[in-house]
Amino acid sequence: MTGALVVFCLTYLVIATQQLRFLNLDRPGGAVVGGVAMVIVGGLPMEEALRAVDLHVLVLLFGVLVIAAHLQQAQFFRLAAFLVLTRAGSARSLLFGLVFVAGALSALLVNDTVCVVLTPLVLAVVVEARLPPLPYLLALASAANVGGVVSFSGNPQNMIIGAAAHGTIGFGQYVLLTLPIGSACLALNAALIAWLFRRELPAGPLASRSPPRPAVDRALAIKAMAALALFAGLAVAGVTLAGAAMCAAACLMVSSGKAARAAFATIDWTLLAFFGGLFVVVAGVAHAGVLDRVFDAVAPIVARGDLLGDLAFIALVVVISQIVSNVPLVLVAVAWIPHMPDPTWGYIMLAVASTLAGNLTLFGSIANIIVMEGAGPRGEIGFWRFLRIGSVVTLVDLAVGFAILYGERALGIAGWLGLS
């Protein structure tokens, strides 16, 4: 147990802060080395380590990344950002436009990919417009986190939950429940960030900007969007998320007219390696029973199945997400849900709470780290300043998000969708 805890803590240190730079380990390398170390120290036998790698999640992630790679090849992401970032008339309208574009793109595609693609363009435009970069970088990260709450393919932790919840809550049911949450929270986040940075955002029209318009491959963009629609349609029809993603990706590779090698070259393979290693590390600490003991301590309250029980579970998810990040937390927490009074409601609470919790601290989600690191010195922000901003955004989002969920439940919308 001690060895597993040491490996977990060191792995998380690398993932969250990259403090072991003398070893030249980045996050994917840290996760893979951590997985190997977990087996070496006896935290997990080799056979169990191999079983811990959830192929359903990795296949789903790969399929979505293939579609995203074709959209990237077609310059679709750059065109969407270009239209917003160059047509906004004021600093605040630019911020609102960025939030809704990033949120919409993150709703069905992996939010980490959206952050990787948009960060350089956002930075280039705000610098050219002589605007402070930080509010826009925070808006991008926040929107990517919130947009991901809308579907089981919007972020890695929702992919894990969607795979575990198959047969309990469907892709379409979840989207219909959470679309109002995503829409409301995106608008609130834009308003909150604009208010928090009201002294730094200039009034009046923006300076002229003239970045080159991206040359879009319309045919490829249409085919990739059709593949995305096929994925969503198959998922709504009840096909497993992994199967739906791979079917859509395969159809796109056949119809695109492009060599698959070109799309594969732009896929973030390190993300797959990162999650493969992380699965083993988290399985090792779960095998030691550390996080389960924390859940067991609050399980009697959660078992009540009432508002107090729900609040205890939400608080547990939010707090642990800041300690181990939301993806590792979800890898363990999905095993708790079948033991809750209402597993369907438990999966929904876990997905919404763990996703919205990503905005609380700098290390709450990988999307935050991608944006701030991708921006270099312009993205430097201290832990406490991020927390001051993130606490306001997260508390408002959680309050509004769960108020909407409880309202939908009280109005019978959940029952109308076939959920308890």
Protein backbone atom coordinates (compact mmCIF):
# COMPACT_ATOMS: atom_id res chain seq x y z
CA MET A 1 0.00 0.00 0.00
CA THR A 2 2.82 2.42 0.85
CA GLY A 3 4.59 1.76 -2.44
CA ALA A 4 1.38 2.34 -4.40
CA LEU A 5 0.79 5.64 -2.60
CA VAL A 6 4.34 6.84 -3.25
CA VAL A 7 4.08 5.99 -6.96
CA PHE A 8 0.69 7.67 -7.20
CA CYS A 9 1.88 10.85 -5.47
CA LEU A 10 5.03 11.13 -7.60
CA THR A 11 3.05 10.47 -10.79
CA TYR A 12 0.50 13.11 -9.88
CA LEU A 13 3.31 15.55 -9.04
CA VAL A 14 4.62 15.16 -12.58
CA ILE A 15 1.14 15.38 -14.14
CA ALA A 16 0.04 18.41 -12.13
CA THR A 17 3.19 20.49 -11.86
CA GLN A 18 6.03 18.82 -13.80
CA GLN A 19 8.25 19.36 -10.77
CA LEU A 20 10.59 16.49 -11.67
CA ARG A 21 12.12 18.34 -14.58
CA PHE A 22 15.60 17.06 -13.76
CA LEU A 23 14.33 13.72 -15.11
CA ASN A 24 12.95 15.46 -18.23
CA LEU A 25 9.60 13.72 -17.74
CA ASP A 26 6.54 15.33 -19.29
CA ARG A 27 2.98 14.32 -18.40
CA PRO A 28 2.54 11.39 -20.82
CA GLY A 29 5.98 10.06 -19.88
CA GLY A 30 5.19 10.48 -16.19
CA ALA A 31 1.94 8.53 -16.54
CA VAL A 32 3.60 5.67 -18.45
CA VAL A 33 6.56 5.49 -16.06
CA GLY A 34 4.13 5.66 -13.15
CA GLY A 35 2.17 2.72 -14.57
CA VAL A 36 5.33 0.65 -14.89
CA ALA A 37 6.45 1.64 -11.38
CA MET A 38 3.06 0.66 -9.96
CA VAL A 39 3.62 -2.90 -11.20
CA ILE A 40 7.25 -2.96 -10.03
CA VAL A 41 6.41 -1.92 -6.45
CA GLY A 42 3.66 -4.54 -6.29
CA GLY A 43 0.78 -2.10 -6.28
CA LEU A 44 -0.82 -4.10 -9.08
CA PRO A 45 0.07 -7.48 -10.61
CA MET A 46 0.95 -7.39 -14.31
CA GLU A 47 -2.20 -9.21 -15.43
CA GLU A 48 -4.39 -6.82 -13.46
CA ALA A 49 -2.46 -3.87 -14.86
CA LEU A 50 -3.24 -5.02 -18.39
CA ARG A 51 -6.91 -5.44 -17.51
CA ALA A 52 -6.94 -1.98 -15.91
CA VAL A 53 -6.32 -0.34 -19.31
CA ASP A 54 -9.90 0.35 -20.40
CA LEU A 55 -9.89 -0.30 -24.14
CA HIS A 56 -13.47 0.95 -24.49
CA VAL A 57 -12.38 4.42 -23.37
CA LEU A 58 -9.16 4.40 -25.41
CA VAL A 59 -11.00 3.25 -28.56
CA LEU A 60 -13.65 5.94 -28.02
CA LEU A 61 -10.95 8.56 -27.53
CA PHE A 62 -9.09 7.38 -30.64
CA GLY A 63 -12.24 7.49 -32.79
CA VAL A 64 -13.10 11.02 -31.70
CA LEU A 65 -9.49 12.12 -32.21
CA VAL A 66 -9.57 10.78 -35.79
CA ILE A 67 -12.64 12.89 -36.55
CA ALA A 68 -11.05 15.91 -34.85
CA ALA A 69 -7.84 15.35 -36.86
CA HIS A 70 -9.78 15.56 -40.13
CA LEU A 71 -11.52 18.73 -38.95
CA GLN A 72 -8.12 20.14 -38.07
CA GLN A 73 -6.79 19.17 -41.50
CA ALA A 74 -9.73 20.97 -43.09
CA GLN A 75 -8.89 24.11 -41.01
CA PHE A 76 -12.40 23.97 -39.51
CA PHE A 77 -11.25 24.91 -36.00
CA ARG A 78 -9.22 27.83 -37.28
CA LEU A 79 -12.08 29.13 -39.42
CA ALA A 80 -14.54 29.01 -36.50
CA ALA A 81 -12.11 30.89 -34.26
CA PHE A 82 -11.11 33.29 -37.06
CA LEU A 83 -14.72 34.36 -37.67
CA VAL A 84 -15.31 35.16 -34.01
CA LEU A 85 -11.94 36.63 -33.18
CA THR A 86 -11.86 38.98 -36.16
CA ARG A 87 -15.50 40.11 -36.28
CA ALA A 88 -16.03 41.02 -32.63
CA GLY A 89 -16.41 44.75 -32.19
CA SER A 90 -15.41 45.08 -28.54
CA ALA A 91 -13.29 43.35 -25.93
CA ARG A 92 -16.37 41.94 -24.22
CA SER A 93 -18.08 40.70 -27.37
CA LEU A 94 -14.80 39.01 -28.32
CA LEU A 95 -14.71 37.27 -24.95
CA PHE A 96 -18.36 36.11 -25.23
CA GLY A 97 -17.82 34.88 -28.78
CA LEU A 98 -14.71 32.95 -27.80
CA VAL A 99 -16.52 31.30 -24.87
CA PHE A 100 -19.42 30.05 -27.00
CA VAL A 101 -17.24 28.87 -29.90
CA ALA A 102 -14.86 26.97 -27.60
CA GLY A 103 -17.78 25.58 -25.59
CA ALA A 104 -19.67 24.43 -28.69
CA LEU A 105 -16.59 22.73 -30.17
CA SER A 106 -15.92 21.02 -26.83
CA ALA A 107 -19.46 19.68 -26.57
CA LEU A 108 -18.89 16.76 -28.96
CA LEU A 109 -15.13 16.77 -29.49
CA VAL A 110 -12.47 16.21 -26.85
CA ASN A 111 -11.98 19.53 -25.04
CA ASP A 112 -8.23 18.95 -24.71
CA THR A 113 -7.92 18.91 -28.52
CA VAL A 114 -9.94 22.12 -28.79
CA CYS A 115 -7.58 23.79 -26.31
CA VAL A 116 -4.47 22.63 -28.16
CA VAL A 117 -5.76 23.98 -31.50
CA LEU A 118 -7.27 27.28 -30.34
CA THR A 119 -4.71 28.51 -27.79
CA PRO A 120 -2.12 29.79 -30.32
CA LEU A 121 -4.78 31.51 -32.45
CA VAL A 122 -6.46 33.17 -29.46
CA LEU A 123 -3.10 34.39 -28.23
CA ALA A 124 -2.10 35.78 -31.63
CA VAL A 125 -5.36 37.69 -32.08
CA VAL A 126 -5.52 39.25 -28.60
CA VAL A 127 -1.89 40.35 -28.83
CA GLU A 128 -2.53 41.95 -32.23
CA ALA A 129 -5.66 43.67 -30.82
CA ARG A 130 -3.57 44.89 -27.86
CA LEU A 131 -5.75 43.12 -25.30
CA PRO A 132 -4.66 41.48 -22.03
CA PRO A 133 -4.24 37.76 -22.85
CA LEU A 134 -5.12 36.33 -19.43
CA PRO A 135 -8.92 36.85 -19.44
CA TYR A 136 -9.18 35.27 -22.88
CA LEU A 137 -6.99 32.32 -21.97
CA LEU A 138 -9.08 31.75 -18.83
CA ALA A 139 -12.24 32.09 -20.93
CA LEU A 140 -10.95 29.45 -23.35
CA ALA A 141 -10.05 26.97 -20.60
CA SER A 142 -13.28 27.60 -18.70
CA ALA A 143 -15.43 27.25 -21.83
CA ALA A 144 -13.67 24.04 -22.84
CA ASN A 145 -14.38 22.57 -19.40
CA VAL A 146 -18.03 23.68 -19.32
CA GLY A 147 -18.71 22.74 -22.95
CA GLY A 148 -17.46 19.25 -22.23
CA VAL A 149 -20.25 18.71 -19.70
CA VAL A 150 -22.84 18.47 -22.48
CA SER A 151 -21.99 15.01 -23.84
CA PHE A 152 -20.21 11.76 -23.09
CA SER A 153 -17.61 12.62 -25.75
CA GLY A 154 -16.86 16.17 -24.58
CA ASN A 155 -14.00 15.29 -22.26
CA PRO A 156 -12.02 12.24 -21.13
CA GLN A 157 -13.77 11.82 -17.76
CA ASN A 158 -17.20 11.86 -19.42
CA MET A 159 -15.97 9.21 -21.85
CA ILE A 160 -15.10 7.01 -18.87
CA ILE A 161 -18.51 7.66 -17.30
CA GLY A 162 -20.34 7.11 -20.59
CA ALA A 163 -18.63 3.75 -21.10
CA ALA A 164 -19.45 2.68 -17.53
CA ALA A 165 -23.05 3.95 -17.75
CA HIS A 166 -23.89 2.19 -21.04
CA GLY A 167 -27.28 0.59 -20.63
CA THR A 168 -28.14 2.87 -17.70
CA ILE A 169 -28.26 6.29 -19.37
CA GLY A 170 -27.93 6.80 -23.09
CA PHE A 171 -25.91 9.37 -25.04
CA GLY A 172 -29.00 11.26 -26.23
CA GLN A 173 -30.69 11.23 -22.83
CA TYR A 174 -27.59 12.71 -21.23
CA VAL A 175 -27.24 15.42 -23.91
CA LEU A 176 -30.87 16.52 -23.52
CA LEU A 177 -30.47 16.77 -19.75
CA THR A 178 -27.21 18.68 -19.77
CA LEU A 179 -27.55 20.97 -22.80
CA PRO A 180 -29.39 23.63 -20.73
CA ILE A 181 -26.64 23.38 -18.09
CA GLY A 182 -23.87 23.89 -20.62
CA SER A 183 -25.65 26.81 -22.30
CA ALA A 184 -26.42 28.61 -19.03
CA CYS A 185 -22.97 28.07 -17.55
CA LEU A 186 -21.19 29.27 -20.70
CA ALA A 187 -23.15 32.53 -20.60
CA LEU A 188 -22.51 32.91 -16.87
CA ASN A 189 -18.79 32.20 -17.23
CA ALA A 190 -18.38 34.80 -19.95
CA ALA A 191 -20.24 37.37 -17.83
CA LEU A 192 -18.26 36.52 -14.69
CA ILE A 193 -14.85 36.67 -16.38
CA ALA A 194 -15.80 39.96 -18.07
CA TRP A 195 -16.83 41.35 -14.67
CA LEU A 196 -13.77 40.03 -12.81
CA PHE A 197 -11.48 41.62 -15.44
CA ARG A 198 -13.63 44.74 -15.94
CA ARG A 199 -10.70 47.05 -15.12
CA GLU A 200 -8.38 45.33 -17.60
CA LEU A 201 -10.75 44.98 -20.56
CA PRO A 202 -10.79 48.22 -22.57
CA ALA A 203 -14.03 49.93 -23.54
CA GLY A 204 -14.82 51.00 -27.07
CA PRO A 205 -14.02 49.39 -30.42
CA LEU A 206 -11.09 47.05 -30.81
CA ALA A 207 -7.96 47.80 -32.78
CA SER A 208 -8.11 46.48 -36.32
CA ARG A 209 -6.91 42.93 -36.77
CA SER A 210 -5.93 41.31 -40.04
CA PRO A 211 -4.69 37.75 -39.50
CA PRO A 212 -4.74 35.65 -42.68
CA ARG A 213 -8.03 33.85 -43.29
CA PRO A 214 -7.47 30.09 -43.09
CA ALA A 215 -7.87 28.21 -46.38
CA VAL A 216 -10.66 25.76 -45.57
CA ASP A 217 -11.04 22.42 -47.34
CA ARG A 218 -14.84 22.59 -47.60
CA ALA A 219 -15.30 19.04 -48.88
CA LEU A 220 -13.24 17.52 -46.10
CA ALA A 221 -14.90 19.73 -43.47
CA ILE A 222 -18.38 18.62 -44.62
CA LYS A 223 -17.36 14.95 -44.57
CA ALA A 224 -15.85 15.29 -41.09
CA MET A 225 -18.98 17.03 -39.78
CA ALA A 226 -21.07 14.25 -41.33
CA ALA A 227 -18.91 11.70 -39.51
CA LEU A 228 -19.46 13.60 -36.27
CA ALA A 229 -23.21 13.54 -36.90
CA LEU A 230 -23.01 9.79 -37.63
CA PHE A 231 -21.19 9.23 -34.35
CA ALA A 232 -23.84 11.16 -32.43
CA GLY A 233 -26.66 9.37 -34.28
CA LEU A 234 -25.25 5.90 -33.61
CA ALA A 235 -24.65 6.79 -29.95
CA VAL A 236 -28.24 8.04 -29.59
CA ALA A 237 -29.44 4.81 -31.23
CA GLY A 238 -27.80 2.82 -28.45
CA VAL A 239 -24.56 1.70 -30.07
CA THR A 240 -21.68 1.66 -27.59
CA LEU A 241 -19.72 4.90 -27.63
CA ALA A 242 -16.53 3.12 -28.68
CA GLY A 243 -18.33 1.32 -31.51
CA ALA A 244 -20.07 4.49 -32.67
CA ALA A 245 -16.83 6.49 -32.67
CA MET A 246 -14.87 3.86 -34.59
CA CYS A 247 -17.65 3.32 -37.13
CA ALA A 248 -17.81 7.06 -37.82
CA ALA A 249 -14.02 7.34 -37.96
CA ALA A 250 -13.75 4.40 -40.39
CA CYS A 251 -16.44 5.86 -42.68
CA LEU A 252 -14.59 9.18 -42.67
CA MET A 253 -11.25 7.56 -43.52
CA VAL A 254 -12.89 5.75 -46.47
CA SER A 255 -14.74 8.81 -47.80
CA SER A 256 -12.25 11.61 -47.07
CA GLY A 257 -10.14 11.08 -50.17
CA LYS A 258 -7.07 11.69 -48.01
CA ALA A 259 -4.45 9.24 -46.85
CA ALA A 260 -5.19 8.18 -43.29
CA ARG A 261 -1.50 8.62 -42.52
CA ALA A 262 -1.90 12.41 -42.80
CA ALA A 263 -4.72 12.45 -40.22
CA PHE A 264 -2.86 10.03 -37.95
CA ALA A 265 0.16 12.36 -38.01
CA THR A 266 -1.89 15.12 -36.34
CA ILE A 267 -3.48 12.90 -33.66
CA ASP A 268 -2.22 13.50 -30.16
CA TRP A 269 -0.97 9.96 -29.57
CA THR A 270 0.59 11.09 -26.32
CA LEU A 271 -2.95 11.57 -24.97
CA LEU A 272 -3.64 7.85 -25.52
CA ALA A 273 -0.33 6.93 -23.86
CA PHE A 274 -1.14 9.31 -21.02
CA PHE A 275 -4.47 7.63 -20.29
CA GLY A 276 -3.07 4.14 -20.74
CA GLY A 277 -0.49 4.80 -18.03
CA LEU A 278 -2.97 6.69 -15.86
CA PHE A 279 -5.40 3.76 -15.91
CA VAL A 280 -2.72 1.55 -14.34
CA VAL A 281 -1.61 4.15 -11.77
CA VAL A 282 -5.17 4.84 -10.61
CA ALA A 283 -6.03 1.13 -10.58
CA GLY A 284 -3.01 0.58 -8.31
CA VAL A 285 -4.07 3.21 -5.78
CA ALA A 286 -7.66 1.96 -6.04
CA HIS A 287 -6.37 -1.56 -5.36
CA ALA A 288 -4.81 -0.18 -2.19
CA GLY A 289 -8.26 1.11 -1.23
CA VAL A 290 -7.23 4.67 -0.35
CA LEU A 291 -9.95 6.58 -2.20
CA ASP A 292 -12.50 3.91 -1.40
CA ARG A 293 -11.90 4.54 2.30
CA VAL A 294 -12.66 8.21 1.74
CA PHE A 295 -15.90 7.30 -0.03
CA ASP A 296 -16.79 4.78 2.66
CA ALA A 297 -16.52 7.57 5.24
CA VAL A 298 -19.28 9.57 3.54
CA ALA A 299 -21.20 6.58 2.13
CA PRO A 300 -23.78 6.56 4.96
CA ILE A 301 -24.73 10.15 4.11
CA VAL A 302 -24.74 9.48 0.34
CA ALA A 303 -26.90 6.40 0.92
CA ARG A 304 -29.70 8.63 2.21
CA GLY A 305 -30.52 9.45 -1.40
CA ASP A 306 -31.85 12.89 -0.44
CA LEU A 307 -30.57 16.43 -1.00
CA LEU A 308 -28.05 16.16 1.85
CA GLY A 309 -26.71 12.91 0.42
CA ASP A 310 -26.39 14.43 -3.04
CA LEU A 311 -24.58 17.49 -1.66
CA ALA A 312 -22.14 15.24 0.24
CA PHE A 313 -21.36 13.31 -2.94
CA ILE A 314 -20.96 16.48 -5.03
CA ALA A 315 -18.66 18.01 -2.42
CA LEU A 316 -16.59 14.81 -2.31
CA VAL A 317 -16.20 14.81 -6.10
CA VAL A 318 -15.25 18.51 -6.24
CA VAL A 319 -12.71 18.28 -3.43
CA ILE A 320 -10.98 15.10 -4.62
CA SER A 321 -10.92 16.44 -8.19
CA GLN A 322 -8.63 19.21 -6.95
CA ILE A 323 -6.32 16.74 -5.20
CA VAL A 324 -5.95 14.13 -7.94
CA SER A 325 -7.54 15.99 -10.94
CA ASN A 326 -10.92 15.04 -12.32
CA VAL A 327 -9.89 12.22 -14.65
CA PRO A 328 -8.09 10.09 -11.99
CA LEU A 329 -10.99 10.74 -9.60
CA VAL A 330 -13.55 9.50 -12.13
CA LEU A 331 -11.50 6.38 -12.88
CA VAL A 332 -12.07 5.35 -9.26
CA ALA A 333 -15.49 6.91 -8.66
CA VAL A 334 -17.32 5.03 -11.44
CA ALA A 335 -16.99 1.93 -9.25
CA TRP A 336 -18.91 3.71 -6.46
CA ILE A 337 -21.98 4.54 -8.54
CA PRO A 338 -23.63 1.08 -8.69
CA HIS A 339 -23.71 1.08 -4.86
CA MET A 340 -25.57 4.39 -4.67
CA PRO A 341 -29.36 4.55 -4.12
CA ASP A 342 -29.98 5.73 -7.71
CA PRO A 343 -27.10 4.77 -10.05
CA THR A 344 -28.55 6.72 -13.00
CA TRP A 345 -28.65 9.91 -10.96
CA GLY A 346 -25.20 9.05 -9.59
CA TYR A 347 -23.64 8.89 -13.07
CA ILE A 348 -25.20 12.25 -13.97
CA MET A 349 -24.00 13.89 -10.75
CA LEU A 350 -20.50 12.49 -11.21
CA ALA A 351 -20.24 13.73 -14.81
CA VAL A 352 -21.56 17.23 -14.08
CA ALA A 353 -19.72 17.75 -10.78
CA SER A 354 -16.35 16.40 -11.95
CA THR A 355 -16.48 18.48 -15.14
CA LEU A 356 -17.53 21.77 -13.55
CA ALA A 357 -14.99 21.18 -10.76
CA GLY A 358 -12.25 21.46 -13.39
CA ASN A 359 -12.52 25.26 -13.28
CA LEU A 360 -11.78 25.57 -9.55
CA THR A 361 -7.98 25.30 -9.56
CA LEU A 362 -5.22 25.36 -12.13
CA PHE A 363 -4.71 21.61 -11.70
CA GLY A 364 -8.43 20.77 -11.63
CA SER A 365 -8.41 19.73 -15.29
CA ILE A 366 -5.85 18.97 -17.98
CA ALA A 367 -7.53 21.59 -20.23
CA ASN A 368 -6.43 24.37 -17.86
CA ILE A 369 -2.83 23.18 -17.98
CA ILE A 370 -2.85 22.82 -21.78
CA VAL A 371 -4.05 26.41 -22.28
CA MET A 372 -1.74 28.04 -19.73
CA GLU A 373 1.32 26.07 -20.82
CA GLY A 374 0.51 26.57 -24.50
CA ALA A 375 0.45 30.34 -23.94
CA GLY A 376 3.95 30.35 -22.48
CA PRO A 377 4.89 33.43 -20.39
CA ARG A 378 1.63 35.17 -21.32
CA GLY A 379 -0.31 32.39 -19.59
CA GLU A 380 1.51 32.62 -16.27
CA ILE A 381 -0.92 32.81 -13.37
CA GLY A 382 -0.34 31.94 -9.75
CA PHE A 383 -2.21 29.17 -7.99
CA TRP A 384 -4.01 31.57 -5.62
CA ARG A 385 -5.07 34.03 -8.30
CA PHE A 386 -6.49 31.19 -10.39
CA LEU A 387 -8.28 29.92 -7.29
CA ARG A 388 -9.82 33.34 -6.59
CA ILE A 389 -11.25 33.47 -10.09
CA GLY A 390 -12.01 29.75 -10.31
CA SER A 391 -13.86 29.64 -7.00
CA VAL A 392 -16.36 32.26 -8.17
CA VAL A 393 -16.88 30.58 -11.55
CA THR A 394 -17.12 27.05 -10.12
CA LEU A 395 -19.49 27.86 -7.26
CA VAL A 396 -21.87 29.72 -9.58
CA ASP A 397 -21.69 26.94 -12.20
CA LEU A 398 -22.34 24.20 -9.64
CA ALA A 399 -25.26 26.09 -8.10
CA VAL A 400 -26.87 26.86 -11.46
CA GLY A 401 -26.06 23.47 -13.00
CA PHE A 402 -27.58 21.42 -10.22
CA ALA A 403 -30.53 23.82 -9.86
CA ILE A 404 -31.31 23.09 -13.51
CA LEU A 405 -30.89 19.34 -12.98
CA TYR A 406 -33.18 19.33 -9.95
CA GLY A 407 -35.66 21.50 -11.85
CA GLU A 408 -35.69 19.04 -14.74
CA ARG A 409 -36.24 16.23 -12.27
CA ALA A 410 -39.08 18.08 -10.50
CA LEU A 411 -40.78 18.87 -13.83
CA GLY A 412 -40.64 15.22 -14.81
CA ILE A 413 -38.28 15.76 -17.74
CA ALA A 414 -35.98 12.99 -16.53
CA GLY A 415 -38.95 10.61 -16.40
CA TRP A 416 -40.08 11.74 -19.86
CA LEU A 417 -36.63 10.82 -21.15
CA GLY A 418 -36.99 7.36 -19.63
CA LEU A 419 -34.82 8.04 -16.58
CA SER A 420 -35.80 7.69 -12.93
